[in-house]
mmCIF file of all heavy atoms, coordinates in Angstrom:
data_MODEL
# 
_entry.id   MODEL 
# 
loop_
_atom_site.group_PDB 
_atom_site.id 
_atom_site.type_symbol 
_atom_site.label_atom_id 
_atom_site.label_alt_id 
_atom_site.label_comp_id 
_atom_site.label_asym_id 
_atom_site.label_entity_id 
_atom_site.label_seq_id 
_atom_site.pdbx_PDB_ins_code 
_atom_site.Cartn_x 
_atom_site.Cartn_y 
_atom_site.Cartn_z 
_atom_site.occupancy 
_atom_site.B_iso_or_equiv 
_atom_site.pdbx_formal_charge 
_atom_site.auth_seq_id 
_atom_site.auth_comp_id 
_atom_site.auth_asym_id 
_atom_site.auth_atom_id 
_atom_site.pdbx_PDB_model_num 
ATOM 1   N N   . GLN A 1 1  ? -6.412 7.805   -2.327  1.00 0.00 ? 1  GLN A N   1 
ATOM 2   C CA  . GLN A 1 1  ? -6.679 6.575   -3.072  1.00 0.00 ? 1  GLN A CA  1 
ATOM 3   C C   . GLN A 1 1  ? -6.033 5.335   -2.372  1.00 0.00 ? 1  GLN A C   1 
ATOM 4   O O   . GLN A 1 1  ? -4.928 5.416   -1.896  1.00 0.00 ? 1  GLN A O   1 
ATOM 5   C CB  . GLN A 1 1  ? -6.188 6.671   -4.521  1.00 0.00 ? 1  GLN A CB  1 
ATOM 6   C CG  . GLN A 1 1  ? -6.331 5.366   -5.361  1.00 0.00 ? 1  GLN A CG  1 
ATOM 7   C CD  . GLN A 1 1  ? -7.806 5.095   -5.581  1.00 0.00 ? 1  GLN A CD  1 
ATOM 8   O OE1 . GLN A 1 1  ? -8.528 5.907   -6.070  1.00 0.00 ? 1  GLN A OE1 1 
ATOM 9   N NE2 . GLN A 1 1  ? -8.165 3.817   -5.278  1.00 0.00 ? 1  GLN A NE2 1 
ATOM 10  N N   . LYS A 1 2  ? -6.824 4.257   -2.302  1.00 0.00 ? 2  LYS A N   1 
ATOM 11  C CA  . LYS A 1 2  ? -6.211 3.033   -1.721  1.00 0.00 ? 2  LYS A CA  1 
ATOM 12  C C   . LYS A 1 2  ? -5.741 2.217   -2.915  1.00 0.00 ? 2  LYS A C   1 
ATOM 13  O O   . LYS A 1 2  ? -6.369 2.031   -3.920  1.00 0.00 ? 2  LYS A O   1 
ATOM 14  C CB  . LYS A 1 2  ? -7.278 2.269   -0.926  1.00 0.00 ? 2  LYS A CB  1 
ATOM 15  C CG  . LYS A 1 2  ? -6.715 1.051   -0.208  1.00 0.00 ? 2  LYS A CG  1 
ATOM 16  C CD  . LYS A 1 2  ? -7.666 0.409   0.737   1.00 0.00 ? 2  LYS A CD  1 
ATOM 17  C CE  . LYS A 1 2  ? -7.000 -0.744  1.503   1.00 0.00 ? 2  LYS A CE  1 
ATOM 18  N NZ  . LYS A 1 2  ? -7.884 -1.337  2.602   1.00 0.00 ? 2  LYS A NZ  1 
ATOM 19  N N   . TYR A 1 3  ? -4.524 1.708   -2.675  1.00 0.00 ? 3  TYR A N   1 
ATOM 20  C CA  . TYR A 1 3  ? -3.834 0.800   -3.653  1.00 0.00 ? 3  TYR A CA  1 
ATOM 21  C C   . TYR A 1 3  ? -3.514 -0.524  -3.018  1.00 0.00 ? 3  TYR A C   1 
ATOM 22  O O   . TYR A 1 3  ? -3.188 -0.617  -1.824  1.00 0.00 ? 3  TYR A O   1 
ATOM 23  C CB  . TYR A 1 3  ? -2.607 1.410   -4.223  1.00 0.00 ? 3  TYR A CB  1 
ATOM 24  C CG  . TYR A 1 3  ? -2.788 2.660   -5.026  1.00 0.00 ? 3  TYR A CG  1 
ATOM 25  C CD1 . TYR A 1 3  ? -2.722 3.942   -4.418  1.00 0.00 ? 3  TYR A CD1 1 
ATOM 26  C CD2 . TYR A 1 3  ? -3.013 2.598   -6.405  1.00 0.00 ? 3  TYR A CD2 1 
ATOM 27  C CE1 . TYR A 1 3  ? -2.898 5.063   -5.216  1.00 0.00 ? 3  TYR A CE1 1 
ATOM 28  C CE2 . TYR A 1 3  ? -3.192 3.711   -7.175  1.00 0.00 ? 3  TYR A CE2 1 
ATOM 29  C CZ  . TYR A 1 3  ? -3.139 4.954   -6.549  1.00 0.00 ? 3  TYR A CZ  1 
ATOM 30  O OH  . TYR A 1 3  ? -3.337 6.040   -7.350  1.00 0.00 ? 3  TYR A OH  1 
ATOM 31  N N   . TYR A 1 4  ? -3.600 -1.544  -3.836  1.00 0.00 ? 4  TYR A N   1 
ATOM 32  C CA  . TYR A 1 4  ? -3.159 -2.907  -3.479  1.00 0.00 ? 4  TYR A CA  1 
ATOM 33  C C   . TYR A 1 4  ? -1.958 -3.304  -4.200  1.00 0.00 ? 4  TYR A C   1 
ATOM 34  O O   . TYR A 1 4  ? -1.818 -2.935  -5.411  1.00 0.00 ? 4  TYR A O   1 
ATOM 35  C CB  . TYR A 1 4  ? -4.292 -3.974  -3.673  1.00 0.00 ? 4  TYR A CB  1 
ATOM 36  C CG  . TYR A 1 4  ? -5.550 -3.681  -2.901  1.00 0.00 ? 4  TYR A CG  1 
ATOM 37  C CD1 . TYR A 1 4  ? -6.515 -2.763  -3.412  1.00 0.00 ? 4  TYR A CD1 1 
ATOM 38  C CD2 . TYR A 1 4  ? -5.756 -4.229  -1.640  1.00 0.00 ? 4  TYR A CD2 1 
ATOM 39  C CE1 . TYR A 1 4  ? -7.646 -2.498  -2.646  1.00 0.00 ? 4  TYR A CE1 1 
ATOM 40  C CE2 . TYR A 1 4  ? -6.860 -4.020  -0.919  1.00 0.00 ? 4  TYR A CE2 1 
ATOM 41  C CZ  . TYR A 1 4  ? -7.837 -3.147  -1.419  1.00 0.00 ? 4  TYR A CZ  1 
ATOM 42  O OH  . TYR A 1 4  ? -8.998 -2.846  -0.692  1.00 0.00 ? 4  TYR A OH  1 
ATOM 43  N N   . TYR A 1 5  ? -1.026 -3.993  -3.644  1.00 0.00 ? 5  TYR A N   1 
ATOM 44  C CA  . TYR A 1 5  ? 0.210  -4.306  -4.338  1.00 0.00 ? 5  TYR A CA  1 
ATOM 45  C C   . TYR A 1 5  ? 0.653  -5.747  -3.915  1.00 0.00 ? 5  TYR A C   1 
ATOM 46  O O   . TYR A 1 5  ? 0.283  -6.295  -2.905  1.00 0.00 ? 5  TYR A O   1 
ATOM 47  C CB  . TYR A 1 5  ? 1.317  -3.257  -3.944  1.00 0.00 ? 5  TYR A CB  1 
ATOM 48  C CG  . TYR A 1 5  ? 1.874  -3.348  -2.576  1.00 0.00 ? 5  TYR A CG  1 
ATOM 49  C CD1 . TYR A 1 5  ? 2.957  -4.186  -2.285  1.00 0.00 ? 5  TYR A CD1 1 
ATOM 50  C CD2 . TYR A 1 5  ? 1.275  -2.638  -1.547  1.00 0.00 ? 5  TYR A CD2 1 
ATOM 51  C CE1 . TYR A 1 5  ? 3.447  -4.247  -0.970  1.00 0.00 ? 5  TYR A CE1 1 
ATOM 52  C CE2 . TYR A 1 5  ? 1.796  -2.676  -0.243  1.00 0.00 ? 5  TYR A CE2 1 
ATOM 53  C CZ  . TYR A 1 5  ? 2.885  -3.543  0.031   1.00 0.00 ? 5  TYR A CZ  1 
ATOM 54  O OH  . TYR A 1 5  ? 3.314  -3.592  1.313   1.00 0.00 ? 5  TYR A OH  1 
ATOM 55  N N   . ALA A 1 6  ? 1.600  -6.144  -4.738  1.00 0.00 ? 6  ALA A N   1 
ATOM 56  C CA  . ALA A 1 6  ? 2.352  -7.421  -4.419  1.00 0.00 ? 6  ALA A CA  1 
ATOM 57  C C   . ALA A 1 6  ? 3.786  -7.231  -4.957  1.00 0.00 ? 6  ALA A C   1 
ATOM 58  O O   . ALA A 1 6  ? 3.954  -6.720  -6.068  1.00 0.00 ? 6  ALA A O   1 
ATOM 59  C CB  . ALA A 1 6  ? 1.699  -8.625  -5.117  1.00 0.00 ? 6  ALA A CB  1 
ATOM 60  N N   . VAL A 1 7  ? 4.744  -7.542  -4.177  1.00 0.00 ? 7  VAL A N   1 
ATOM 61  C CA  . VAL A 1 7  ? 6.138  -7.428  -4.622  1.00 0.00 ? 7  VAL A CA  1 
ATOM 62  C C   . VAL A 1 7  ? 6.838  -8.774  -4.421  1.00 0.00 ? 7  VAL A C   1 
ATOM 63  O O   . VAL A 1 7  ? 6.493  -9.603  -3.574  1.00 0.00 ? 7  VAL A O   1 
ATOM 64  C CB  . VAL A 1 7  ? 6.967  -6.391  -3.866  1.00 0.00 ? 7  VAL A CB  1 
ATOM 65  C CG1 . VAL A 1 7  ? 6.345  -4.976  -4.122  1.00 0.00 ? 7  VAL A CG1 1 
ATOM 66  C CG2 . VAL A 1 7  ? 6.977  -6.653  -2.333  1.00 0.00 ? 7  VAL A CG2 1 
ATOM 67  N N   . GLY A 1 8  ? 7.762  -9.030  -5.283  1.00 0.00 ? 8  GLY A N   1 
ATOM 68  C CA  . GLY A 1 8  ? 8.487  -10.334 -5.272  1.00 0.00 ? 8  GLY A CA  1 
ATOM 69  C C   . GLY A 1 8  ? 8.777  -10.771 -6.688  1.00 0.00 ? 8  GLY A C   1 
ATOM 70  O O   . GLY A 1 8  ? 9.008  -10.014 -7.530  1.00 0.00 ? 8  GLY A O   1 
ATOM 71  N N   . TYR A 1 9  ? 8.672  -12.158 -6.806  1.00 0.00 ? 9  TYR A N   1 
ATOM 72  C CA  . TYR A 1 9  ? 8.951  -12.659 -8.184  1.00 0.00 ? 9  TYR A CA  1 
ATOM 73  C C   . TYR A 1 9  ? 8.191  -14.019 -8.225  1.00 0.00 ? 9  TYR A C   1 
ATOM 74  O O   . TYR A 1 9  ? 8.319  -14.851 -7.388  1.00 0.00 ? 9  TYR A O   1 
ATOM 75  C CB  . TYR A 1 9  ? 10.404 -12.878 -8.381  1.00 0.00 ? 9  TYR A CB  1 
ATOM 76  C CG  . TYR A 1 9  ? 10.760 -13.319 -9.792  1.00 0.00 ? 9  TYR A CG  1 
ATOM 77  C CD1 . TYR A 1 9  ? 10.447 -12.543 -10.874 1.00 0.00 ? 9  TYR A CD1 1 
ATOM 78  C CD2 . TYR A 1 9  ? 11.430 -14.493 -10.025 1.00 0.00 ? 9  TYR A CD2 1 
ATOM 79  C CE1 . TYR A 1 9  ? 10.730 -12.928 -12.204 1.00 0.00 ? 9  TYR A CE1 1 
ATOM 80  C CE2 . TYR A 1 9  ? 11.780 -14.906 -11.349 1.00 0.00 ? 9  TYR A CE2 1 
ATOM 81  C CZ  . TYR A 1 9  ? 11.425 -14.129 -12.375 1.00 0.00 ? 9  TYR A CZ  1 
ATOM 82  O OH  . TYR A 1 9  ? 11.739 -14.500 -13.651 1.00 0.00 ? 9  TYR A OH  1 
ATOM 83  N N   . GLU A 1 10 ? 7.540  -14.169 -9.416  1.00 0.00 ? 10 GLU A N   1 
ATOM 84  C CA  . GLU A 1 10 ? 6.756  -15.381 -9.758  1.00 0.00 ? 10 GLU A CA  1 
ATOM 85  C C   . GLU A 1 10 ? 5.809  -15.782 -8.568  1.00 0.00 ? 10 GLU A C   1 
ATOM 86  O O   . GLU A 1 10 ? 4.948  -14.970 -8.195  1.00 0.00 ? 10 GLU A O   1 
ATOM 87  C CB  . GLU A 1 10 ? 7.704  -16.500 -10.060 1.00 0.00 ? 10 GLU A CB  1 
ATOM 88  C CG  . GLU A 1 10 ? 8.501  -16.256 -11.350 1.00 0.00 ? 10 GLU A CG  1 
ATOM 89  C CD  . GLU A 1 10 ? 9.457  -17.390 -11.760 1.00 0.00 ? 10 GLU A CD  1 
ATOM 90  O OE1 . GLU A 1 10 ? 9.727  -18.210 -10.884 1.00 0.00 ? 10 GLU A OE1 1 
ATOM 91  O OE2 . GLU A 1 10 ? 9.849  -17.400 -12.961 1.00 0.00 ? 10 GLU A OE2 1 
ATOM 92  N N   . LYS A 1 11 ? 6.000  -16.963 -7.986  1.00 0.00 ? 11 LYS A N   1 
ATOM 93  C CA  . LYS A 1 11 ? 5.051  -17.389 -6.999  1.00 0.00 ? 11 LYS A CA  1 
ATOM 94  C C   . LYS A 1 11 ? 5.380  -16.807 -5.553  1.00 0.00 ? 11 LYS A C   1 
ATOM 95  O O   . LYS A 1 11 ? 4.588  -16.931 -4.631  1.00 0.00 ? 11 LYS A O   1 
ATOM 96  C CB  . LYS A 1 11 ? 5.024  -18.925 -6.894  1.00 0.00 ? 11 LYS A CB  1 
ATOM 97  C CG  . LYS A 1 11 ? 4.544  -19.555 -8.197  1.00 0.00 ? 11 LYS A CG  1 
ATOM 98  C CD  . LYS A 1 11 ? 4.519  -21.102 -8.091  1.00 0.00 ? 11 LYS A CD  1 
ATOM 99  C CE  . LYS A 1 11 ? 4.063  -21.754 -9.350  1.00 0.00 ? 11 LYS A CE  1 
ATOM 100 N NZ  . LYS A 1 11 ? 4.144  -23.236 -9.278  1.00 0.00 ? 11 LYS A NZ  1 
ATOM 101 N N   . ASN A 1 12 ? 6.547  -16.259 -5.391  1.00 0.00 ? 12 ASN A N   1 
ATOM 102 C CA  . ASN A 1 12 ? 6.976  -15.823 -4.065  1.00 0.00 ? 12 ASN A CA  1 
ATOM 103 C C   . ASN A 1 12 ? 6.743  -14.324 -3.927  1.00 0.00 ? 12 ASN A C   1 
ATOM 104 O O   . ASN A 1 12 ? 7.525  -13.418 -4.381  1.00 0.00 ? 12 ASN A O   1 
ATOM 105 C CB  . ASN A 1 12 ? 8.480  -16.088 -3.922  1.00 0.00 ? 12 ASN A CB  1 
ATOM 106 C CG  . ASN A 1 12 ? 8.780  -17.512 -3.898  1.00 0.00 ? 12 ASN A CG  1 
ATOM 107 O OD1 . ASN A 1 12 ? 8.317  -18.248 -3.025  1.00 0.00 ? 12 ASN A OD1 1 
ATOM 108 N ND2 . ASN A 1 12 ? 9.510  -18.009 -4.884  1.00 0.00 ? 12 ASN A ND2 1 
ATOM 109 N N   . LEU A 1 13 ? 5.536  -13.991 -3.469  1.00 0.00 ? 13 LEU A N   1 
ATOM 110 C CA  . LEU A 1 13 ? 5.060  -12.563 -3.434  1.00 0.00 ? 13 LEU A CA  1 
ATOM 111 C C   . LEU A 1 13 ? 4.657  -12.184 -2.081  1.00 0.00 ? 13 LEU A C   1 
ATOM 112 O O   . LEU A 1 13 ? 4.163  -13.029 -1.325  1.00 0.00 ? 13 LEU A O   1 
ATOM 113 C CB  . LEU A 1 13 ? 3.940  -12.327 -4.435  1.00 0.00 ? 13 LEU A CB  1 
ATOM 114 C CG  . LEU A 1 13 ? 4.258  -12.545 -5.913  1.00 0.00 ? 13 LEU A CG  1 
ATOM 115 C CD1 . LEU A 1 13 ? 2.954  -12.514 -6.716  1.00 0.00 ? 13 LEU A CD1 1 
ATOM 116 C CD2 . LEU A 1 13 ? 5.218  -11.507 -6.442  1.00 0.00 ? 13 LEU A CD2 1 
ATOM 117 N N   . PHE A 1 14 ? 4.834  -10.892 -1.714  1.00 0.00 ? 14 PHE A N   1 
ATOM 118 C CA  . PHE A 1 14 ? 4.333  -10.322 -0.538  1.00 0.00 ? 14 PHE A CA  1 
ATOM 119 C C   . PHE A 1 14 ? 3.211  -9.374  -0.865  1.00 0.00 ? 14 PHE A C   1 
ATOM 120 O O   . PHE A 1 14 ? 3.366  -8.545  -1.774  1.00 0.00 ? 14 PHE A O   1 
ATOM 121 C CB  . PHE A 1 14 ? 5.415  -9.484  0.249   1.00 0.00 ? 14 PHE A CB  1 
ATOM 122 C CG  . PHE A 1 14 ? 4.964  -8.789  1.440   1.00 0.00 ? 14 PHE A CG  1 
ATOM 123 C CD1 . PHE A 1 14 ? 5.027  -9.435  2.675   1.00 0.00 ? 14 PHE A CD1 1 
ATOM 124 C CD2 . PHE A 1 14 ? 4.473  -7.516  1.321   1.00 0.00 ? 14 PHE A CD2 1 
ATOM 125 C CE1 . PHE A 1 14 ? 4.599  -8.725  3.840   1.00 0.00 ? 14 PHE A CE1 1 
ATOM 126 C CE2 . PHE A 1 14 ? 3.974  -6.816  2.520   1.00 0.00 ? 14 PHE A CE2 1 
ATOM 127 C CZ  . PHE A 1 14 ? 4.072  -7.425  3.756   1.00 0.00 ? 14 PHE A CZ  1 
ATOM 128 N N   . TYR A 1 15 ? 1.981  -9.582  -0.284  1.00 0.00 ? 15 TYR A N   1 
ATOM 129 C CA  . TYR A 1 15 ? 0.778  -8.810  -0.634  1.00 0.00 ? 15 TYR A CA  1 
ATOM 130 C C   . TYR A 1 15 ? 0.544  -7.772  0.446   1.00 0.00 ? 15 TYR A C   1 
ATOM 131 O O   . TYR A 1 15 ? 0.712  -8.006  1.632   1.00 0.00 ? 15 TYR A O   1 
ATOM 132 C CB  . TYR A 1 15 ? -0.402 -9.731  -0.790  1.00 0.00 ? 15 TYR A CB  1 
ATOM 133 C CG  . TYR A 1 15 ? -0.404 -10.621 -1.972  1.00 0.00 ? 15 TYR A CG  1 
ATOM 134 C CD1 . TYR A 1 15 ? 0.300  -11.806 -1.985  1.00 0.00 ? 15 TYR A CD1 1 
ATOM 135 C CD2 . TYR A 1 15 ? -1.079 -10.233 -3.141  1.00 0.00 ? 15 TYR A CD2 1 
ATOM 136 C CE1 . TYR A 1 15 ? 0.340  -12.620 -3.115  1.00 0.00 ? 15 TYR A CE1 1 
ATOM 137 C CE2 . TYR A 1 15 ? -1.045 -11.030 -4.254  1.00 0.00 ? 15 TYR A CE2 1 
ATOM 138 C CZ  . TYR A 1 15 ? -0.336 -12.224 -4.251  1.00 0.00 ? 15 TYR A CZ  1 
ATOM 139 O OH  . TYR A 1 15 ? -0.318 -13.040 -5.346  1.00 0.00 ? 15 TYR A OH  1 
ATOM 140 N N   . GLY A 1 16 ? 0.200  -6.551  0.001   1.00 0.00 ? 16 GLY A N   1 
ATOM 141 C CA  . GLY A 1 16 ? -0.132 -5.546  0.971   1.00 0.00 ? 16 GLY A CA  1 
ATOM 142 C C   . GLY A 1 16 ? -0.955 -4.385  0.269   1.00 0.00 ? 16 GLY A C   1 
ATOM 143 O O   . GLY A 1 16 ? -1.382 -4.591  -0.807  1.00 0.00 ? 16 GLY A O   1 
ATOM 144 N N   . SER A 1 17 ? -1.206 -3.382  1.069   1.00 0.00 ? 17 SER A N   1 
ATOM 145 C CA  . SER A 1 17 ? -2.023 -2.342  0.595   1.00 0.00 ? 17 SER A CA  1 
ATOM 146 C C   . SER A 1 17 ? -1.538 -0.989  1.284   1.00 0.00 ? 17 SER A C   1 
ATOM 147 O O   . SER A 1 17 ? -0.938 -1.027  2.349   1.00 0.00 ? 17 SER A O   1 
ATOM 148 C CB  . SER A 1 17 ? -3.525 -2.459  0.778   1.00 0.00 ? 17 SER A CB  1 
ATOM 149 O OG  . SER A 1 17 ? -3.779 -2.585  2.191   1.00 0.00 ? 17 SER A OG  1 
ATOM 150 N N   . PHE A 1 18 ? -1.872 0.158   0.698   1.00 0.00 ? 18 PHE A N   1 
ATOM 151 C CA  . PHE A 1 18 ? -1.620 1.401   1.350   1.00 0.00 ? 18 PHE A CA  1 
ATOM 152 C C   . PHE A 1 18 ? -2.534 2.429   0.747   1.00 0.00 ? 18 PHE A C   1 
ATOM 153 O O   . PHE A 1 18 ? -3.206 2.298   -0.272  1.00 0.00 ? 18 PHE A O   1 
ATOM 154 C CB  . PHE A 1 18 ? -0.140 1.849   0.993   1.00 0.00 ? 18 PHE A CB  1 
ATOM 155 C CG  . PHE A 1 18 ? 0.146  2.083   -0.451  1.00 0.00 ? 18 PHE A CG  1 
ATOM 156 C CD1 . PHE A 1 18 ? -0.052 3.291   -1.036  1.00 0.00 ? 18 PHE A CD1 1 
ATOM 157 C CD2 . PHE A 1 18 ? 0.714  1.085   -1.251  1.00 0.00 ? 18 PHE A CD2 1 
ATOM 158 C CE1 . PHE A 1 18 ? 0.246  3.508   -2.415  1.00 0.00 ? 18 PHE A CE1 1 
ATOM 159 C CE2 . PHE A 1 18 ? 0.978  1.303   -2.561  1.00 0.00 ? 18 PHE A CE2 1 
ATOM 160 C CZ  . PHE A 1 18 ? 0.726  2.505   -3.129  1.00 0.00 ? 18 PHE A CZ  1 
ATOM 161 N N   . GLU A 1 19 ? -2.695 3.579   1.514   1.00 0.00 ? 19 GLU A N   1 
ATOM 162 C CA  . GLU A 1 19 ? -3.561 4.661   1.118   1.00 0.00 ? 19 GLU A CA  1 
ATOM 163 C C   . GLU A 1 19 ? -2.712 5.933   1.019   1.00 0.00 ? 19 GLU A C   1 
ATOM 164 O O   . GLU A 1 19 ? -1.866 6.184   1.872   1.00 0.00 ? 19 GLU A O   1 
ATOM 165 C CB  . GLU A 1 19 ? -4.648 4.849   2.156   1.00 0.00 ? 19 GLU A CB  1 
ATOM 166 C CG  . GLU A 1 19 ? -5.654 3.742   2.139   1.00 0.00 ? 19 GLU A CG  1 
ATOM 167 C CD  . GLU A 1 19 ? -6.830 3.972   3.057   1.00 0.00 ? 19 GLU A CD  1 
ATOM 168 O OE1 . GLU A 1 19 ? -7.487 5.101   2.927   1.00 0.00 ? 19 GLU A OE1 1 
ATOM 169 O OE2 . GLU A 1 19 ? -7.067 3.160   3.960   1.00 0.00 ? 19 GLU A OE2 1 
ATOM 170 N N   . THR A 1 20 ? -2.964 6.764   0.028   1.00 0.00 ? 20 THR A N   1 
ATOM 171 C CA  . THR A 1 20 ? -2.365 8.028   -0.112  1.00 0.00 ? 20 THR A CA  1 
ATOM 172 C C   . THR A 1 20 ? -3.061 9.083   0.684   1.00 0.00 ? 20 THR A C   1 
ATOM 173 O O   . THR A 1 20 ? -4.133 8.823   1.253   1.00 0.00 ? 20 THR A O   1 
ATOM 174 C CB  . THR A 1 20 ? -2.293 8.455   -1.580  1.00 0.00 ? 20 THR A CB  1 
ATOM 175 O OG1 . THR A 1 20 ? -3.556 8.441   -2.178  1.00 0.00 ? 20 THR A OG1 1 
ATOM 176 C CG2 . THR A 1 20 ? -1.368 7.553   -2.380  1.00 0.00 ? 20 THR A CG2 1 
ATOM 177 N N   . GLU A 1 21 ? -2.473 10.210  0.879   1.00 0.00 ? 21 GLU A N   1 
ATOM 178 C CA  . GLU A 1 21 ? -3.049 11.316  1.687   1.00 0.00 ? 21 GLU A CA  1 
ATOM 179 C C   . GLU A 1 21 ? -4.470 11.518  1.466   1.00 0.00 ? 21 GLU A C   1 
ATOM 180 O O   . GLU A 1 21 ? -4.939 11.637  0.339   1.00 0.00 ? 21 GLU A O   1 
ATOM 181 C CB  . GLU A 1 21 ? -2.235 12.612  1.384   1.00 0.00 ? 21 GLU A CB  1 
ATOM 182 C CG  . GLU A 1 21 ? -2.744 13.804  2.157   1.00 0.00 ? 21 GLU A CG  1 
ATOM 183 C CD  . GLU A 1 21 ? -2.104 15.065  1.595   1.00 0.00 ? 21 GLU A CD  1 
ATOM 184 O OE1 . GLU A 1 21 ? -1.449 15.019  0.567   1.00 0.00 ? 21 GLU A OE1 1 
ATOM 185 O OE2 . GLU A 1 21 ? -2.252 16.139  2.254   1.00 0.00 ? 21 GLU A OE2 1 
ATOM 186 N N   . ASN A 1 22 ? -5.282 11.634  2.529   1.00 0.00 ? 22 ASN A N   1 
ATOM 187 C CA  . ASN A 1 22 ? -6.695 11.804  2.353   1.00 0.00 ? 22 ASN A CA  1 
ATOM 188 C C   . ASN A 1 22 ? -7.383 12.850  3.317   1.00 0.00 ? 22 ASN A C   1 
ATOM 189 O O   . ASN A 1 22 ? -8.598 12.890  3.314   1.00 0.00 ? 22 ASN A O   1 
ATOM 190 C CB  . ASN A 1 22 ? -7.411 10.440  2.549   1.00 0.00 ? 22 ASN A CB  1 
ATOM 191 C CG  . ASN A 1 22 ? -7.174 9.809   3.875   1.00 0.00 ? 22 ASN A CG  1 
ATOM 192 O OD1 . ASN A 1 22 ? -6.631 10.506  4.817   1.00 0.00 ? 22 ASN A OD1 1 
ATOM 193 N ND2 . ASN A 1 22 ? -7.475 8.543   4.053   1.00 0.00 ? 22 ASN A ND2 1 
ATOM 194 N N   . ASP A 1 23 ? -6.580 13.550  4.077   1.00 0.00 ? 23 ASP A N   1 
ATOM 195 C CA  . ASP A 1 23 ? -7.228 14.606  4.882   1.00 0.00 ? 23 ASP A CA  1 
ATOM 196 C C   . ASP A 1 23 ? -6.131 15.646  5.234   1.00 0.00 ? 23 ASP A C   1 
ATOM 197 O O   . ASP A 1 23 ? -4.949 15.456  4.878   1.00 0.00 ? 23 ASP A O   1 
ATOM 198 C CB  . ASP A 1 23 ? -7.850 14.090  6.160   1.00 0.00 ? 23 ASP A CB  1 
ATOM 199 C CG  . ASP A 1 23 ? -6.871 13.284  7.076   1.00 0.00 ? 23 ASP A CG  1 
ATOM 200 O OD1 . ASP A 1 23 ? -5.745 13.705  7.218   1.00 0.00 ? 23 ASP A OD1 1 
ATOM 201 O OD2 . ASP A 1 23 ? -7.295 12.289  7.599   1.00 0.00 ? 23 ASP A OD2 1 
ATOM 202 N N   . LEU A 1 24 ? -6.503 16.642  5.976   1.00 0.00 ? 24 LEU A N   1 
ATOM 203 C CA  . LEU A 1 24 ? -5.595 17.732  6.322   1.00 0.00 ? 24 LEU A CA  1 
ATOM 204 C C   . LEU A 1 24 ? -4.941 17.570  7.710   1.00 0.00 ? 24 LEU A C   1 
ATOM 205 O O   . LEU A 1 24 ? -4.249 18.395  8.178   1.00 0.00 ? 24 LEU A O   1 
ATOM 206 C CB  . LEU A 1 24 ? -6.354 19.088  6.244   1.00 0.00 ? 24 LEU A CB  1 
ATOM 207 C CG  . LEU A 1 24 ? -6.856 19.474  4.839   1.00 0.00 ? 24 LEU A CG  1 
ATOM 208 C CD1 . LEU A 1 24 ? -7.607 20.797  4.859   1.00 0.00 ? 24 LEU A CD1 1 
ATOM 209 C CD2 . LEU A 1 24 ? -5.659 19.530  3.853   1.00 0.00 ? 24 LEU A CD2 1 
ATOM 210 N N   . GLU A 1 25 ? -5.246 16.455  8.355   1.00 0.00 ? 25 GLU A N   1 
ATOM 211 C CA  . GLU A 1 25 ? -4.628 16.177  9.609   1.00 0.00 ? 25 GLU A CA  1 
ATOM 212 C C   . GLU A 1 25 ? -3.397 15.241  9.417   1.00 0.00 ? 25 GLU A C   1 
ATOM 213 O O   . GLU A 1 25 ? -3.461 14.336  8.551   1.00 0.00 ? 25 GLU A O   1 
ATOM 214 C CB  . GLU A 1 25 ? -5.674 15.581  10.572  1.00 0.00 ? 25 GLU A CB  1 
ATOM 215 C CG  . GLU A 1 25 ? -6.820 16.433  10.930  1.00 0.00 ? 25 GLU A CG  1 
ATOM 216 C CD  . GLU A 1 25 ? -7.729 15.797  11.903  1.00 0.00 ? 25 GLU A CD  1 
ATOM 217 O OE1 . GLU A 1 25 ? -7.306 14.953  12.745  1.00 0.00 ? 25 GLU A OE1 1 
ATOM 218 O OE2 . GLU A 1 25 ? -8.893 16.160  11.961  1.00 0.00 ? 25 GLU A OE2 1 
ATOM 219 N N   . THR A 1 26 ? -2.377 15.404  10.230  1.00 0.00 ? 26 THR A N   1 
ATOM 220 C CA  . THR A 1 26 ? -1.213 14.619  10.084  1.00 0.00 ? 26 THR A CA  1 
ATOM 221 C C   . THR A 1 26 ? -0.881 13.956  11.406  1.00 0.00 ? 26 THR A C   1 
ATOM 222 O O   . THR A 1 26 ? -0.868 14.556  12.445  1.00 0.00 ? 26 THR A O   1 
ATOM 223 C CB  . THR A 1 26 ? 0.077  15.511  9.770   1.00 0.00 ? 26 THR A CB  1 
ATOM 224 O OG1 . THR A 1 26 ? -0.289 16.230  8.553   1.00 0.00 ? 26 THR A OG1 1 
ATOM 225 C CG2 . THR A 1 26 ? 1.300  14.700  9.530   1.00 0.00 ? 26 THR A CG2 1 
ATOM 226 N N   . THR A 1 27 ? -0.676 12.624  11.335  1.00 0.00 ? 27 THR A N   1 
ATOM 227 C CA  . THR A 1 27 ? -0.332 11.830  12.541  1.00 0.00 ? 27 THR A CA  1 
ATOM 228 C C   . THR A 1 27 ? 0.945  10.994  12.215  1.00 0.00 ? 27 THR A C   1 
ATOM 229 O O   . THR A 1 27 ? 0.997  10.270  11.247  1.00 0.00 ? 27 THR A O   1 
ATOM 230 C CB  . THR A 1 27 ? -1.478 10.849  12.878  1.00 0.00 ? 27 THR A CB  1 
ATOM 231 O OG1 . THR A 1 27 ? -2.704 11.572  13.084  1.00 0.00 ? 27 THR A OG1 1 
ATOM 232 C CG2 . THR A 1 27 ? -1.175 10.093  14.179  1.00 0.00 ? 27 THR A CG2 1 
ATOM 233 N N   . ILE A 1 28 ? 1.979  11.315  13.022  1.00 0.00 ? 28 ILE A N   1 
ATOM 234 C CA  . ILE A 1 28 ? 3.232  10.649  12.789  1.00 0.00 ? 28 ILE A CA  1 
ATOM 235 C C   . ILE A 1 28 ? 3.681  9.896   14.096  1.00 0.00 ? 28 ILE A C   1 
ATOM 236 O O   . ILE A 1 28 ? 3.584  10.469  15.192  1.00 0.00 ? 28 ILE A O   1 
ATOM 237 C CB  . ILE A 1 28 ? 4.330  11.719  12.467  1.00 0.00 ? 28 ILE A CB  1 
ATOM 238 C CG1 . ILE A 1 28 ? 3.931  12.561  11.321  1.00 0.00 ? 28 ILE A CG1 1 
ATOM 239 C CG2 . ILE A 1 28 ? 5.668  11.042  12.205  1.00 0.00 ? 28 ILE A CG2 1 
ATOM 240 C CD1 . ILE A 1 28 ? 4.764  13.814  11.140  1.00 0.00 ? 28 ILE A CD1 1 
# 
């Protein structure tokens, strides 16, 4: 699943996104 997020407080926010595990291959 892809998620969008913002962290911070009031008007001062950092926006980003991330995806959770989605296949059986691992790349580090």
